[in-house]
Amino acid sequence: MNDSYRKGDRVGAHRGWPAMGMPLWAKWLIALGLVIILTIVGVLLVQSMRADMITSNPTSSEGETPTDPSSVPEDTSVAVLDASSTEGRADSVMEQLSAAGWASGITGGASAPYDETTVFYQAPEYKAAARAVADELGVSAISETSVDLSGSPVTVIVGTDADELGL
């Protein structure tokens, strides 16, 4: 009898290295790799689900306009900037919105004159809120903007047409 079975080069019922199993360090390395991969996949799935929850608004669909300020996203505040050149106009518009239940943001003057009173919103989830604010004020113009105009997601710029609108 020779020592070939100890070297692992025999075939048949007496297998070599694969039959003896992997070294312990290789098993730990594979286990660690699987843990890392599953953790990354889990984190990505959770982030994807959170993004879906944040961008979807179950209380109002695209075509609906909320009439109740409490039905809009929780962080929705409304700021009013006066571009009408009439002193105190922004404050009176803000009082009207506050009386209707809208969370008030800042009031102030706009940096340039503006002809048409417009309600701006910063993201699609605020479109319905902007439409509701516009309806409350009797304004027909709403527009999405990528610029932060006031620190609030919805900003009303009161234009020179404010007297015609009764603002």
C-alpha atoms as a PDB file:
ATOM      1  CA  MET A   1       0.000   0.000   0.000  1.00  0.00           C
ATOM      2  CA  ASN A   2       1.316   3.371  -0.922  1.00  0.00           C
ATOM      3  CA  ASP A   3       0.784   6.789   0.669  1.00  0.00           C
ATOM      4  CA  SER A   4      -1.189   8.223  -2.232  1.00  0.00           C
ATOM      5  CA  TYR A   5      -4.341   8.478  -0.136  1.00  0.00           C
ATOM      6  CA  ARG A   6      -2.545  10.862   2.226  1.00  0.00           C
ATOM      7  CA  LYS A   7      -1.533  13.138  -0.640  1.00  0.00           C
ATOM      8  CA  GLY A   8      -5.124  13.416  -1.882  1.00  0.00           C
ATOM      9  CA  ASP A   9      -4.451  12.234  -5.400  1.00  0.00           C
ATOM     10  CA  ARG A  10      -6.622   9.125  -5.314  1.00  0.00           C
ATOM     11  CA  VAL A  11      -9.928   8.958  -7.150  1.00  0.00           C
ATOM     12  CA  GLY A  12     -13.126   7.007  -6.697  1.00  0.00           C
ATOM     13  CA  ALA A  13     -14.328   6.367  -3.166  1.00  0.00           C
ATOM     14  CA  HIS A  14     -11.201   7.996  -1.805  1.00  0.00           C
ATOM     15  CA  ARG A  15     -11.456  11.575  -2.915  1.00  0.00           C
ATOM     16  CA  GLY A  16      -8.928  14.286  -2.511  1.00  0.00           C
ATOM     17  CA  TRP A  17      -9.168  17.862  -1.174  1.00  0.00           C
ATOM     18  CA  PRO A  18     -12.806  18.667  -2.144  1.00  0.00           C
ATOM     19  CA  ALA A  19     -14.051  15.723  -0.107  1.00  0.00           C
ATOM     20  CA  MET A  20     -12.149  16.951   2.895  1.00  0.00           C
ATOM     21  CA  GLY A  21     -13.990  20.317   2.722  1.00  0.00           C
ATOM     22  CA  MET A  22     -12.906  23.896   2.476  1.00  0.00           C
ATOM     23  CA  PRO A  23     -10.542  25.421   4.968  1.00  0.00           C
ATOM     24  CA  LEU A  24     -12.225  27.289   7.805  1.00  0.00           C
ATOM     25  CA  TRP A  25     -10.865  30.673   6.680  1.00  0.00           C
ATOM     26  CA  ALA A  26     -12.545  30.231   3.244  1.00  0.00           C
ATOM     27  CA  LYS A  27     -15.891  29.444   4.879  1.00  0.00           C
ATOM     28  CA  TRP A  28     -15.633  32.588   7.039  1.00  0.00           C
ATOM     29  CA  LEU A  29     -14.676  34.677   4.022  1.00  0.00           C
ATOM     30  CA  ILE A  30     -17.696  33.441   2.041  1.00  0.00           C
ATOM     31  CA  ALA A  31     -20.003  34.034   5.023  1.00  0.00           C
ATOM     32  CA  LEU A  32     -18.652  37.572   5.466  1.00  0.00           C
ATOM     33  CA  GLY A  33     -19.150  38.303   1.768  1.00  0.00           C
ATOM     34  CA  LEU A  34     -22.757  37.088   1.919  1.00  0.00           C
ATOM     35  CA  VAL A  35     -23.475  39.231   4.985  1.00  0.00           C
ATOM     36  CA  ILE A  36     -22.072  42.325   3.248  1.00  0.00           C
ATOM     37  CA  ILE A  37     -24.041  41.681   0.060  1.00  0.00           C
ATOM     38  CA  LEU A  38     -27.310  41.037   1.922  1.00  0.00           C
ATOM     39  CA  THR A  39     -26.806  44.157   4.054  1.00  0.00           C
ATOM     40  CA  ILE A  40     -26.271  46.337   0.986  1.00  0.00           C
ATOM     41  CA  VAL A  41     -29.319  44.864  -0.767  1.00  0.00           C
ATOM     42  CA  GLY A  42     -31.425  45.403   2.373  1.00  0.00           C
ATOM     43  CA  VAL A  43     -30.341  49.023   2.752  1.00  0.00           C
ATOM     44  CA  LEU A  44     -31.101  49.734  -0.899  1.00  0.00           C
ATOM     45  CA  LEU A  45     -34.546  48.139  -0.611  1.00  0.00           C
ATOM     46  CA  VAL A  46     -35.396  50.153   2.505  1.00  0.00           C
ATOM     47  CA  GLN A  47     -34.268  53.388   0.847  1.00  0.00           C
ATOM     48  CA  SER A  48     -36.329  52.586  -2.223  1.00  0.00           C
ATOM     49  CA  MET A  49     -39.401  51.910  -0.113  1.00  0.00           C
ATOM     50  CA  ARG A  50     -38.877  55.133   1.862  1.00  0.00           C
ATOM     51  CA  ALA A  51     -38.539  57.143  -1.349  1.00  0.00           C
ATOM     52  CA  ASP A  52     -41.801  55.641  -2.632  1.00  0.00           C
ATOM     53  CA  MET A  53     -43.541  56.519   0.623  1.00  0.00           C
ATOM     54  CA  ILE A  54     -42.243  60.083   0.596  1.00  0.00           C
ATOM     55  CA  THR A  55     -43.129  60.816  -3.029  1.00  0.00           C
ATOM     56  CA  SER A  56     -46.580  59.287  -2.867  1.00  0.00           C
ATOM     57  CA  ASN A  57     -49.364  61.230  -1.214  1.00  0.00           C
ATOM     58  CA  PRO A  58     -52.226  58.868  -0.395  1.00  0.00           C
ATOM     59  CA  THR A  59     -54.597  61.662   0.664  1.00  0.00           C
ATOM     60  CA  SER A  60     -54.768  63.373  -2.697  1.00  0.00           C
ATOM     61  CA  SER A  61     -54.216  62.281  -6.255  1.00  0.00           C
ATOM     62  CA  GLU A  62     -52.780  64.412  -9.052  1.00  0.00           C
ATOM     63  CA  GLY A  63     -56.153  65.723 -10.171  1.00  0.00           C
ATOM     64  CA  GLU A  64     -57.600  66.482  -6.735  1.00  0.00           C
ATOM     65  CA  THR A  65     -57.190  69.752  -4.911  1.00  0.00           C
ATOM     66  CA  PRO A  66     -57.256  69.582  -1.140  1.00  0.00           C
ATOM     67  CA  THR A  67     -59.608  72.050   0.448  1.00  0.00           C
ATOM     68  CA  ASP A  68     -58.410  71.365   3.965  1.00  0.00           C
ATOM     69  CA  PRO A  69     -54.851  72.498   4.783  1.00  0.00           C
ATOM     70  CA  SER A  70     -54.461  69.512   7.122  1.00  0.00           C
ATOM     71  CA  SER A  71     -54.702  67.133   4.124  1.00  0.00           C
ATOM     72  CA  VAL A  72     -51.466  68.376   2.520  1.00  0.00           C
ATOM     73  CA  PRO A  73     -47.927  67.182   3.383  1.00  0.00           C
ATOM     74  CA  GLU A  74     -47.047  67.890   7.009  1.00  0.00           C
ATOM     75  CA  ASP A  75     -44.185  70.310   6.307  1.00  0.00           C
ATOM     76  CA  THR A  76     -46.221  72.545   3.978  1.00  0.00           C
ATOM     77  CA  SER A  77     -45.935  76.178   4.966  1.00  0.00           C
ATOM     78  CA  VAL A  78     -46.853  79.123   2.799  1.00  0.00           C
ATOM     79  CA  ALA A  79     -44.738  82.262   2.420  1.00  0.00           C
ATOM     80  CA  VAL A  80     -45.953  85.502   0.852  1.00  0.00           C
ATOM     81  CA  LEU A  81     -43.670  87.911  -0.996  1.00  0.00           C
ATOM     82  CA  ASP A  82     -45.014  91.298  -2.058  1.00  0.00           C
ATOM     83  CA  ALA A  83     -44.140  92.438  -5.570  1.00  0.00           C
ATOM     84  CA  SER A  84     -47.140  94.758  -5.850  1.00  0.00           C
ATOM     85  CA  SER A  85     -45.413  97.832  -4.380  1.00  0.00           C
ATOM     86  CA  THR A  86     -48.304  98.302  -1.916  1.00  0.00           C
ATOM     87  CA  GLU A  87     -47.104  98.345   1.662  1.00  0.00           C
ATOM     88  CA  GLY A  88     -48.636  95.704   3.946  1.00  0.00           C
ATOM     89  CA  ARG A  89     -50.039  93.630   1.078  1.00  0.00           C
ATOM     90  CA  ALA A  90     -48.020  90.518   1.998  1.00  0.00           C
ATOM     91  CA  ASP A  91     -49.228  90.715   5.605  1.00  0.00           C
ATOM     92  CA  SER A  92     -52.891  90.946   4.610  1.00  0.00           C
ATOM     93  CA  VAL A  93     -52.565  87.992   2.222  1.00  0.00           C
ATOM     94  CA  MET A  94     -50.834  85.979   4.965  1.00  0.00           C
ATOM     95  CA  GLU A  95     -53.654  86.818   7.393  1.00  0.00           C
ATOM     96  CA  GLN A  96     -56.182  85.537   4.853  1.00  0.00           C
ATOM     97  CA  LEU A  97     -54.242  82.271   4.428  1.00  0.00           C
ATOM     98  CA  SER A  98     -53.699  81.833   8.174  1.00  0.00           C
ATOM     99  CA  ALA A  99     -57.409  82.325   8.790  1.00  0.00           C
ATOM    100  CA  ALA A 100     -58.063  79.519   6.294  1.00  0.00           C
ATOM    101  CA  GLY A 101     -55.732  77.219   8.266  1.00  0.00           C
ATOM    102  CA  TRP A 102     -52.526  77.344   6.231  1.00  0.00           C
ATOM    103  CA  ALA A 103     -49.229  77.233   8.154  1.00  0.00           C
ATOM    104  CA  SER A 104     -47.579  80.581   7.695  1.00  0.00           C
ATOM    105  CA  GLY A 105     -44.029  81.080   6.566  1.00  0.00           C
ATOM    106  CA  ILE A 106     -42.290  84.394   6.090  1.00  0.00           C
ATOM    107  CA  THR A 107     -43.756  87.555   4.636  1.00  0.00           C
ATOM    108  CA  GLY A 108     -41.662  90.152   2.909  1.00  0.00           C
ATOM    109  CA  GLY A 109     -40.955  92.068  -0.209  1.00  0.00           C
ATOM    110  CA  ALA A 110     -39.990  90.515  -3.505  1.00  0.00           C
ATOM    111  CA  SER A 111     -36.702  91.512  -5.082  1.00  0.00           C
ATOM    112  CA  ALA A 112     -38.329  92.671  -8.323  1.00  0.00           C
ATOM    113  CA  PRO A 113     -41.777  93.789  -9.477  1.00  0.00           C
ATOM    114  CA  TYR A 114     -44.081  91.033 -10.699  1.00  0.00           C
ATOM    115  CA  ASP A 115     -47.131  91.561 -12.889  1.00  0.00           C
ATOM    116  CA  GLU A 116     -49.258  88.481 -12.187  1.00  0.00           C
ATOM    117  CA  THR A 117     -49.865  87.073  -8.715  1.00  0.00           C
ATOM    118  CA  THR A 118     -48.497  83.519  -8.832  1.00  0.00           C
ATOM    119  CA  VAL A 119     -48.294  80.613  -6.412  1.00  0.00           C
ATOM    120  CA  PHE A 120     -44.988  78.736  -6.729  1.00  0.00           C
ATOM    121  CA  TYR A 121     -44.299  75.241  -5.388  1.00  0.00           C
ATOM    122  CA  GLN A 122     -40.948  73.477  -5.092  1.00  0.00           C
ATOM    123  CA  ALA A 123     -41.775  69.815  -5.746  1.00  0.00           C
ATOM    124  CA  PRO A 124     -44.578  67.807  -7.365  1.00  0.00           C
ATOM    125  CA  GLU A 125     -45.934  66.705  -3.970  1.00  0.00           C
ATOM    126  CA  TYR A 126     -46.775  70.354  -3.234  1.00  0.00           C
ATOM    127  CA  LYS A 127     -48.694  70.970  -6.459  1.00  0.00           C
ATOM    128  CA  ALA A 128     -52.099  70.199  -4.931  1.00  0.00           C
ATOM    129  CA  ALA A 129     -51.316  72.451  -1.968  1.00  0.00           C
ATOM    130  CA  ALA A 130     -50.283  75.263  -4.315  1.00  0.00           C
ATOM    131  CA  ARG A 131     -53.523  74.832  -6.275  1.00  0.00           C
ATOM    132  CA  ALA A 132     -55.537  74.988  -3.016  1.00  0.00           C
ATOM    133  CA  VAL A 133     -53.716  78.171  -1.935  1.00  0.00           C
ATOM    134  CA  ALA A 134     -54.344  79.685  -5.369  1.00  0.00           C
ATOM    135  CA  ASP A 135     -58.033  78.789  -5.123  1.00  0.00           C
ATOM    136  CA  GLU A 136     -58.226  80.347  -1.660  1.00  0.00           C
ATOM    137  CA  LEU A 137     -56.805  83.600  -3.030  1.00  0.00           C
ATOM    138  CA  GLY A 138     -58.644  83.534  -6.353  1.00  0.00           C
ATOM    139  CA  VAL A 139     -55.379  83.236  -8.274  1.00  0.00           C
ATOM    140  CA  SER A 140     -55.182  81.230 -11.484  1.00  0.00           C
ATOM    141  CA  ALA A 141     -51.396  81.074 -11.968  1.00  0.00           C
ATOM    142  CA  ILE A 142     -49.365  78.343 -10.282  1.00  0.00           C
ATOM    143  CA  SER A 143     -45.879  77.270 -11.262  1.00  0.00           C
ATOM    144  CA  GLU A 144     -43.261  74.764 -10.166  1.00  0.00           C
ATOM    145  CA  THR A 145     -39.849  76.183  -9.371  1.00  0.00           C
ATOM    146  CA  SER A 146     -36.490  74.608  -8.611  1.00  0.00           C
ATOM    147  CA  VAL A 147     -35.371  77.740  -6.769  1.00  0.00           C
ATOM    148  CA  ASP A 148     -36.008  78.150  -3.048  1.00  0.00           C
ATOM    149  CA  LEU A 149     -37.836  81.461  -3.069  1.00  0.00           C
ATOM    150  CA  SER A 150     -38.607  81.785   0.624  1.00  0.00           C
ATOM    151  CA  GLY A 151     -37.723  78.706   2.640  1.00  0.00           C
ATOM    152  CA  SER A 152     -41.301  77.425   2.339  1.00  0.00           C
ATOM    153  CA  PRO A 153     -42.379  74.778  -0.162  1.00  0.00           C
ATOM    154  CA  VAL A 154     -45.235  77.028  -1.338  1.00  0.00           C
ATOM    155  CA  THR A 155     -44.638  80.727  -2.011  1.00  0.00           C
ATOM    156  CA  VAL A 156     -47.153  83.330  -3.136  1.00  0.00           C
ATOM    157  CA  ILE A 157     -45.719  86.272  -5.038  1.00  0.00           C
ATOM    158  CA  VAL A 158     -48.299  89.031  -4.948  1.00  0.00           C
ATOM    159  CA  GLY A 159     -48.133  90.889  -8.234  1.00  0.00           C
ATOM    160  CA  THR A 160     -49.332  94.246  -9.448  1.00  0.00           C
ATOM    161  CA  ASP A 161     -52.710  92.631 -10.271  1.00  0.00           C
ATOM    162  CA  ALA A 162     -53.495  92.293  -6.526  1.00  0.00           C
ATOM    163  CA  ASP A 163     -56.104  95.068  -6.596  1.00  0.00           C
ATOM    164  CA  GLU A 164     -57.951  93.325  -9.431  1.00  0.00           C
ATOM    165  CA  LEU A 165     -57.936  90.077  -7.422  1.00  0.00           C
ATOM    166  CA  GLY A 166     -59.115  91.805  -4.272  1.00  0.00           C
ATOM    167  CA  LEU A 167     -56.045  90.897  -2.256  1.00  0.00           C
END
